């Protein structure tokens, strides 16, 4: 009976303890809400951990002509320590790179092609 209860309890636990749920704001006025659900894909030297997964951006304001209300893509991230990260994002075919701190109070600047650096706030849900 005890074994059955342990198995039943284990089935209720999350499938992956190393999943990383992110949220944030992207854009000059924070006009894009960002969400991502990442899976750990490995560890590196020291405390580095690597994650990858889908990313979704949802426009939080009125869209301009020809602008999509949602965008999707992929993110690959390395995380060192509790809050430092470096990431590569691909959203609607556009490549961006960014490094910063996972915090709603910290702004990092994504470099996307020939565009100016775009502000990004990113933190754990």
N, C-alpha and C. Protein backbone atom coordinates (compact mmCIF):
# COMPACT_ATOMS: atom_id res chain seq x y z
N UNK A 1 0.82 -1.19 0.00
CA UNK A 1 0.00 0.00 0.00
C UNK A 1 0.87 1.27 0.00
N UNK A 2 1.92 1.25 0.79
CA UNK A 2 2.81 2.40 0.88
C UNK A 2 3.46 2.67 -0.48
N UNK A 3 3.87 1.61 -1.16
CA UNK A 3 4.49 1.75 -2.48
C UNK A 3 3.49 2.37 -3.47
N UNK A 4 2.23 1.95 -3.42
CA UNK A 4 1.20 2.51 -4.29
C UNK A 4 1.03 4.00 -4.04
N UNK A 5 1.01 4.42 -2.78
CA UNK A 5 0.86 5.83 -2.45
C UNK A 5 2.05 6.64 -2.95
N UNK A 6 3.26 6.11 -2.82
CA UNK A 6 4.44 6.80 -3.31
C UNK A 6 4.39 6.96 -4.83
N UNK A 7 3.97 5.92 -5.53
CA UNK A 7 3.86 6.00 -6.98
C UNK A 7 2.79 7.01 -7.40
N UNK A 8 1.67 7.02 -6.69
CA UNK A 8 0.60 7.96 -6.99
C UNK A 8 1.07 9.40 -6.74
N UNK A 9 1.81 9.62 -5.67
CA UNK A 9 2.35 10.95 -5.37
C UNK A 9 3.37 11.37 -6.42
N UNK A 10 4.24 10.46 -6.82
CA UNK A 10 5.27 10.77 -7.82
C UNK A 10 4.63 11.15 -9.15
N UNK A 11 3.51 10.56 -9.49
CA UNK A 11 2.83 10.89 -10.75
C UNK A 11 2.30 12.31 -10.75
N UNK A 12 2.09 12.89 -9.58
CA UNK A 12 1.57 14.26 -9.48
C UNK A 12 2.67 15.31 -9.56
N UNK A 13 3.93 14.90 -9.47
CA UNK A 13 5.03 15.84 -9.53
C UNK A 13 5.27 16.28 -10.96
N UNK A 14 5.86 17.47 -11.17
CA UNK A 14 6.17 17.92 -12.52
C UNK A 14 7.10 16.92 -13.21
N UNK A 15 6.96 16.82 -14.52
CA UNK A 15 7.77 15.86 -15.29
C UNK A 15 9.24 16.23 -15.24
N UNK A 16 9.56 17.51 -15.26
CA UNK A 16 10.95 17.93 -15.28
C UNK A 16 11.17 19.01 -14.24
N UNK A 17 12.04 18.73 -13.30
CA UNK A 17 12.36 19.71 -12.27
C UNK A 17 13.18 20.85 -12.86
N UNK A 18 13.89 20.56 -13.96
CA UNK A 18 14.79 21.53 -14.56
C UNK A 18 14.15 22.37 -15.67
N UNK A 19 12.83 22.42 -15.72
CA UNK A 19 12.15 23.29 -16.68
C UNK A 19 12.28 24.73 -16.19
N UNK A 20 12.27 25.65 -17.13
CA UNK A 20 12.42 27.07 -16.80
C UNK A 20 11.30 27.84 -17.49
N UNK A 21 10.41 28.44 -16.72
CA UNK A 21 9.30 29.22 -17.24
C UNK A 21 9.68 30.69 -17.14
N UNK A 22 9.66 31.38 -18.28
CA UNK A 22 10.05 32.78 -18.32
C UNK A 22 8.88 33.65 -18.77
N UNK A 23 8.92 34.89 -18.33
CA UNK A 23 7.98 35.90 -18.78
C UNK A 23 8.76 37.20 -18.90
N UNK A 24 8.20 38.19 -19.57
CA UNK A 24 8.91 39.45 -19.71
C UNK A 24 8.23 40.41 -20.65
N UNK A 25 8.95 41.49 -20.97
CA UNK A 25 8.49 42.52 -21.89
C UNK A 25 9.61 42.84 -22.87
N UNK A 26 9.22 43.04 -24.13
CA UNK A 26 10.17 43.31 -25.20
C UNK A 26 9.68 44.51 -25.98
N UNK A 27 10.59 45.35 -26.41
CA UNK A 27 10.23 46.51 -27.23
C UNK A 27 10.60 47.80 -26.54
N UNK A 28 10.64 48.87 -27.34
CA UNK A 28 11.05 50.18 -26.82
C UNK A 28 10.13 50.68 -25.72
N UNK A 29 8.85 50.33 -25.79
CA UNK A 29 7.89 50.72 -24.76
C UNK A 29 7.36 49.50 -24.01
N UNK A 30 8.05 48.37 -24.13
CA UNK A 30 7.59 47.14 -23.49
C UNK A 30 6.28 46.65 -24.08
N UNK A 31 6.08 46.94 -25.38
CA UNK A 31 4.80 46.66 -26.02
C UNK A 31 4.54 45.20 -26.34
N UNK A 32 5.53 44.36 -26.19
CA UNK A 32 5.35 42.93 -26.43
C UNK A 32 5.49 42.17 -25.12
N UNK A 33 4.47 41.40 -24.76
CA UNK A 33 4.55 40.49 -23.62
C UNK A 33 5.22 39.21 -24.10
N UNK A 34 6.11 38.69 -23.33
CA UNK A 34 6.91 37.53 -23.72
C UNK A 34 6.67 36.38 -22.76
N UNK A 35 6.57 35.17 -23.29
CA UNK A 35 6.51 33.98 -22.44
C UNK A 35 7.29 32.87 -23.12
N UNK A 36 7.92 32.04 -22.30
CA UNK A 36 8.72 30.93 -22.82
C UNK A 36 8.72 29.80 -21.81
N UNK A 37 8.71 28.60 -22.32
CA UNK A 37 8.80 27.40 -21.49
C UNK A 37 10.00 26.62 -21.99
N UNK A 38 11.08 26.62 -21.21
CA UNK A 38 12.35 26.04 -21.65
C UNK A 38 12.65 24.74 -20.93
N UNK A 39 13.32 23.85 -21.63
CA UNK A 39 13.79 22.60 -21.05
C UNK A 39 15.31 22.65 -20.96
N UNK A 40 15.85 22.08 -19.91
CA UNK A 40 17.29 22.03 -19.77
C UNK A 40 17.85 21.05 -20.80
N UNK A 41 18.88 21.49 -21.52
CA UNK A 41 19.48 20.63 -22.54
C UNK A 41 20.91 20.23 -22.19
N UNK A 42 21.42 20.73 -21.06
CA UNK A 42 22.76 20.33 -20.66
C UNK A 42 23.35 21.26 -19.63
N UNK A 43 24.53 20.88 -19.17
CA UNK A 43 25.28 21.71 -18.24
C UNK A 43 26.68 21.91 -18.80
N UNK A 44 27.31 22.97 -18.38
CA UNK A 44 28.65 23.28 -18.86
C UNK A 44 29.62 23.37 -17.70
N UNK A 45 30.72 24.01 -17.96
CA UNK A 45 31.73 24.20 -16.91
C UNK A 45 31.16 25.07 -15.80
N UNK A 46 31.62 24.81 -14.61
CA UNK A 46 31.15 25.60 -13.47
C UNK A 46 29.67 25.40 -13.23
N UNK A 47 28.95 26.50 -13.13
CA UNK A 47 27.52 26.44 -12.83
C UNK A 47 26.65 26.68 -14.05
N UNK A 48 27.21 26.73 -15.24
CA UNK A 48 26.43 27.02 -16.45
C UNK A 48 25.43 25.91 -16.73
N UNK A 49 24.22 26.32 -17.07
CA UNK A 49 23.15 25.39 -17.48
C UNK A 49 22.59 25.93 -18.79
N UNK A 50 22.21 25.02 -19.66
CA UNK A 50 21.73 25.41 -20.99
C UNK A 50 20.27 24.98 -21.17
N UNK A 51 19.49 25.88 -21.75
CA UNK A 51 18.06 25.66 -21.93
C UNK A 51 17.68 25.99 -23.37
N UNK A 52 16.58 25.41 -23.80
CA UNK A 52 16.07 25.68 -25.14
C UNK A 52 14.55 25.46 -25.13
N UNK A 53 13.84 26.21 -25.98
CA UNK A 53 12.41 26.01 -26.07
C UNK A 53 11.72 27.09 -26.87
N UNK A 54 10.41 26.95 -27.00
CA UNK A 54 9.63 27.93 -27.77
C UNK A 54 9.43 29.23 -26.99
N UNK A 55 9.29 30.30 -27.75
CA UNK A 55 9.03 31.62 -27.18
C UNK A 55 7.82 32.22 -27.90
N UNK A 56 7.02 32.95 -27.17
CA UNK A 56 5.84 33.58 -27.77
C UNK A 56 5.80 35.05 -27.33
N UNK A 57 5.58 35.92 -28.29
CA UNK A 57 5.42 37.35 -28.01
C UNK A 57 4.01 37.75 -28.40
N UNK A 58 3.35 38.46 -27.50
CA UNK A 58 1.99 38.93 -27.73
C UNK A 58 1.98 40.45 -27.62
N UNK A 59 1.45 41.11 -28.64
CA UNK A 59 1.43 42.57 -28.66
C UNK A 59 0.43 43.06 -27.61
N UNK A 60 0.88 43.95 -26.74
CA UNK A 60 0.06 44.43 -25.62
C UNK A 60 -0.64 45.75 -25.92
N UNK A 61 -0.35 46.34 -27.07
CA UNK A 61 -0.95 47.62 -27.43
C UNK A 61 -1.69 47.47 -28.76
N UNK A 62 -2.12 48.57 -29.32
CA UNK A 62 -2.78 48.54 -30.62
C UNK A 62 -1.73 48.27 -31.68
N UNK A 63 -2.00 47.29 -32.53
CA UNK A 63 -1.06 46.93 -33.59
C UNK A 63 -1.14 47.95 -34.72
N UNK A 64 0.01 48.22 -35.31
CA UNK A 64 0.05 49.10 -36.48
C UNK A 64 -0.37 48.34 -37.72
N UNK A 65 -0.52 49.03 -38.84
CA UNK A 65 -0.91 48.38 -40.08
C UNK A 65 0.09 47.29 -40.47
N UNK A 66 -0.43 46.12 -40.79
CA UNK A 66 0.41 45.01 -41.21
C UNK A 66 1.18 44.33 -40.09
N UNK A 67 0.94 44.71 -38.86
CA UNK A 67 1.66 44.13 -37.73
C UNK A 67 0.85 42.99 -37.12
N UNK A 68 1.51 41.87 -36.89
CA UNK A 68 0.84 40.69 -36.31
C UNK A 68 0.65 40.88 -34.81
N UNK A 69 -0.49 40.44 -34.25
CA UNK A 69 -0.71 40.57 -32.81
C UNK A 69 0.11 39.57 -31.99
N UNK A 70 0.60 38.51 -32.63
CA UNK A 70 1.44 37.53 -31.94
C UNK A 70 2.58 37.08 -32.84
N UNK A 71 3.70 36.76 -32.20
CA UNK A 71 4.87 36.22 -32.90
C UNK A 71 5.37 35.03 -32.10
N UNK A 72 6.02 34.12 -32.78
CA UNK A 72 6.57 32.96 -32.08
C UNK A 72 7.96 32.66 -32.62
N UNK A 73 8.68 31.85 -31.86
CA UNK A 73 10.03 31.49 -32.27
C UNK A 73 10.66 30.55 -31.27
N UNK A 74 11.98 30.59 -31.22
CA UNK A 74 12.78 29.72 -30.35
C UNK A 74 13.77 30.57 -29.56
N UNK A 75 14.13 30.07 -28.40
CA UNK A 75 15.17 30.71 -27.59
C UNK A 75 16.12 29.63 -27.09
N UNK A 76 17.41 29.94 -27.14
CA UNK A 76 18.45 29.09 -26.56
C UNK A 76 19.18 29.96 -25.54
N UNK A 77 19.29 29.45 -24.32
CA UNK A 77 19.81 30.27 -23.24
C UNK A 77 20.84 29.52 -22.41
N UNK A 78 21.89 30.24 -22.02
CA UNK A 78 22.80 29.71 -21.01
C UNK A 78 22.58 30.55 -19.76
N UNK A 79 22.58 29.88 -18.63
CA UNK A 79 22.32 30.55 -17.36
C UNK A 79 23.46 30.22 -16.40
N UNK A 80 24.01 31.26 -15.79
CA UNK A 80 25.08 31.08 -14.82
C UNK A 80 24.61 31.67 -13.50
N UNK A 81 24.69 30.86 -12.46
CA UNK A 81 24.23 31.33 -11.16
C UNK A 81 22.72 31.46 -11.14
N UNK A 82 22.24 32.26 -10.24
CA UNK A 82 20.79 32.39 -10.06
C UNK A 82 20.12 33.25 -11.12
N UNK A 83 20.80 34.33 -11.57
CA UNK A 83 20.07 35.26 -12.42
C UNK A 83 20.78 35.73 -13.69
N UNK A 84 22.03 35.40 -13.94
CA UNK A 84 22.72 35.87 -15.14
C UNK A 84 22.45 34.94 -16.32
N UNK A 85 22.24 35.51 -17.50
CA UNK A 85 21.95 34.69 -18.68
C UNK A 85 22.53 35.33 -19.94
N UNK A 86 22.69 34.52 -20.96
CA UNK A 86 22.99 34.95 -22.31
C UNK A 86 22.06 34.13 -23.20
N UNK A 87 21.45 34.77 -24.19
CA UNK A 87 20.46 34.05 -25.00
C UNK A 87 20.55 34.44 -26.46
N UNK A 88 20.11 33.50 -27.28
CA UNK A 88 19.95 33.69 -28.71
C UNK A 88 18.48 33.43 -29.02
N UNK A 89 17.82 34.41 -29.62
CA UNK A 89 16.40 34.29 -29.94
C UNK A 89 16.21 34.34 -31.45
N UNK A 90 15.28 33.57 -31.92
CA UNK A 90 14.83 33.66 -33.30
C UNK A 90 13.32 33.84 -33.26
N UNK A 91 12.86 35.01 -33.71
CA UNK A 91 11.43 35.31 -33.71
C UNK A 91 11.04 35.76 -35.11
N UNK A 92 10.12 35.03 -35.70
CA UNK A 92 9.68 35.30 -37.07
C UNK A 92 10.86 35.44 -38.03
N UNK A 93 11.85 34.56 -37.88
CA UNK A 93 13.00 34.53 -38.77
C UNK A 93 14.09 35.53 -38.44
N UNK A 94 13.88 36.40 -37.46
CA UNK A 94 14.88 37.39 -37.09
C UNK A 94 15.72 36.88 -35.93
N UNK A 95 17.04 36.94 -36.08
CA UNK A 95 17.98 36.49 -35.05
C UNK A 95 18.34 37.64 -34.12
N UNK A 96 18.32 37.37 -32.81
CA UNK A 96 18.71 38.36 -31.81
C UNK A 96 19.61 37.69 -30.78
N UNK A 97 20.49 38.49 -30.17
CA UNK A 97 21.30 37.99 -29.06
C UNK A 97 21.20 39.00 -27.92
N UNK A 98 21.25 38.47 -26.70
CA UNK A 98 21.07 39.33 -25.53
C UNK A 98 21.75 38.68 -24.33
N UNK A 99 22.20 39.49 -23.39
CA UNK A 99 22.76 38.99 -22.13
C UNK A 99 22.32 39.95 -21.04
N UNK A 100 22.04 39.40 -19.85
CA UNK A 100 21.61 40.26 -18.76
C UNK A 100 21.28 39.48 -17.52
N UNK A 101 20.40 40.04 -16.71
CA UNK A 101 19.97 39.42 -15.46
C UNK A 101 18.48 39.09 -15.56
N UNK A 102 18.11 37.92 -15.04
CA UNK A 102 16.69 37.52 -14.99
C UNK A 102 16.03 38.27 -13.84
N UNK A 103 15.43 39.41 -14.17
CA UNK A 103 14.81 40.24 -13.15
C UNK A 103 13.84 41.21 -13.82
N UNK A 104 12.66 41.42 -13.22
CA UNK A 104 11.74 42.40 -13.80
C UNK A 104 12.25 43.83 -13.68
N UNK A 105 13.28 44.04 -12.85
CA UNK A 105 13.83 45.37 -12.64
C UNK A 105 15.06 45.67 -13.48
N UNK A 106 15.55 44.69 -14.22
CA UNK A 106 16.77 44.86 -15.03
C UNK A 106 16.42 44.87 -16.51
N UNK A 107 17.00 45.81 -17.22
CA UNK A 107 16.79 45.90 -18.67
C UNK A 107 18.06 45.44 -19.37
N UNK A 108 17.91 44.50 -20.30
CA UNK A 108 19.00 44.09 -21.18
C UNK A 108 18.65 44.62 -22.56
N UNK A 109 19.60 44.62 -23.46
CA UNK A 109 19.36 45.14 -24.80
C UNK A 109 19.68 44.07 -25.84
N UNK A 110 18.65 43.65 -26.56
CA UNK A 110 18.80 42.62 -27.59
C UNK A 110 19.33 43.26 -28.86
N UNK A 111 20.32 42.61 -29.45
CA UNK A 111 20.86 43.06 -30.73
C UNK A 111 20.25 42.19 -31.82
N UNK A 112 19.46 42.80 -32.68
CA UNK A 112 18.72 42.08 -33.72
C UNK A 112 19.08 42.63 -35.09
N UNK A 113 19.93 41.95 -35.79
CA UNK A 113 20.32 42.38 -37.13
C UNK A 113 20.86 43.78 -37.14
N UNK A 114 20.33 44.59 -38.05
CA UNK A 114 20.82 45.96 -38.18
C UNK A 114 19.96 46.96 -37.40
N UNK A 115 18.97 46.47 -36.67
CA UNK A 115 18.14 47.35 -35.84
C UNK A 115 18.96 47.87 -34.67
N UNK A 116 18.47 48.96 -34.09
CA UNK A 116 19.07 49.44 -32.85
C UNK A 116 18.81 48.41 -31.77
N UNK A 117 19.50 48.50 -30.68
CA UNK A 117 19.30 47.56 -29.58
C UNK A 117 17.90 47.75 -29.00
N UNK A 118 17.22 46.61 -28.81
CA UNK A 118 15.82 46.63 -28.34
C UNK A 118 15.78 46.22 -26.87
N UNK A 119 15.14 47.01 -26.00
CA UNK A 119 15.06 46.67 -24.57
C UNK A 119 14.28 45.38 -24.33
N UNK A 120 14.77 44.61 -23.36
CA UNK A 120 14.15 43.34 -22.98
C UNK A 120 14.26 43.18 -21.46
N UNK A 121 13.14 42.93 -20.83
CA UNK A 121 13.11 42.55 -19.42
C UNK A 121 12.65 41.11 -19.39
N UNK A 122 13.38 40.27 -18.69
CA UNK A 122 13.11 38.85 -18.68
C UNK A 122 13.29 38.33 -17.27
N UNK A 123 12.32 37.52 -16.78
CA UNK A 123 12.42 36.96 -15.44
C UNK A 123 11.67 35.65 -15.37
N UNK A 124 11.90 34.90 -14.28
CA UNK A 124 11.20 33.63 -14.06
C UNK A 124 9.78 33.88 -13.61
N UNK A 125 8.87 33.02 -14.08
CA UNK A 125 7.47 33.11 -13.62
C UNK A 125 7.40 32.73 -12.17
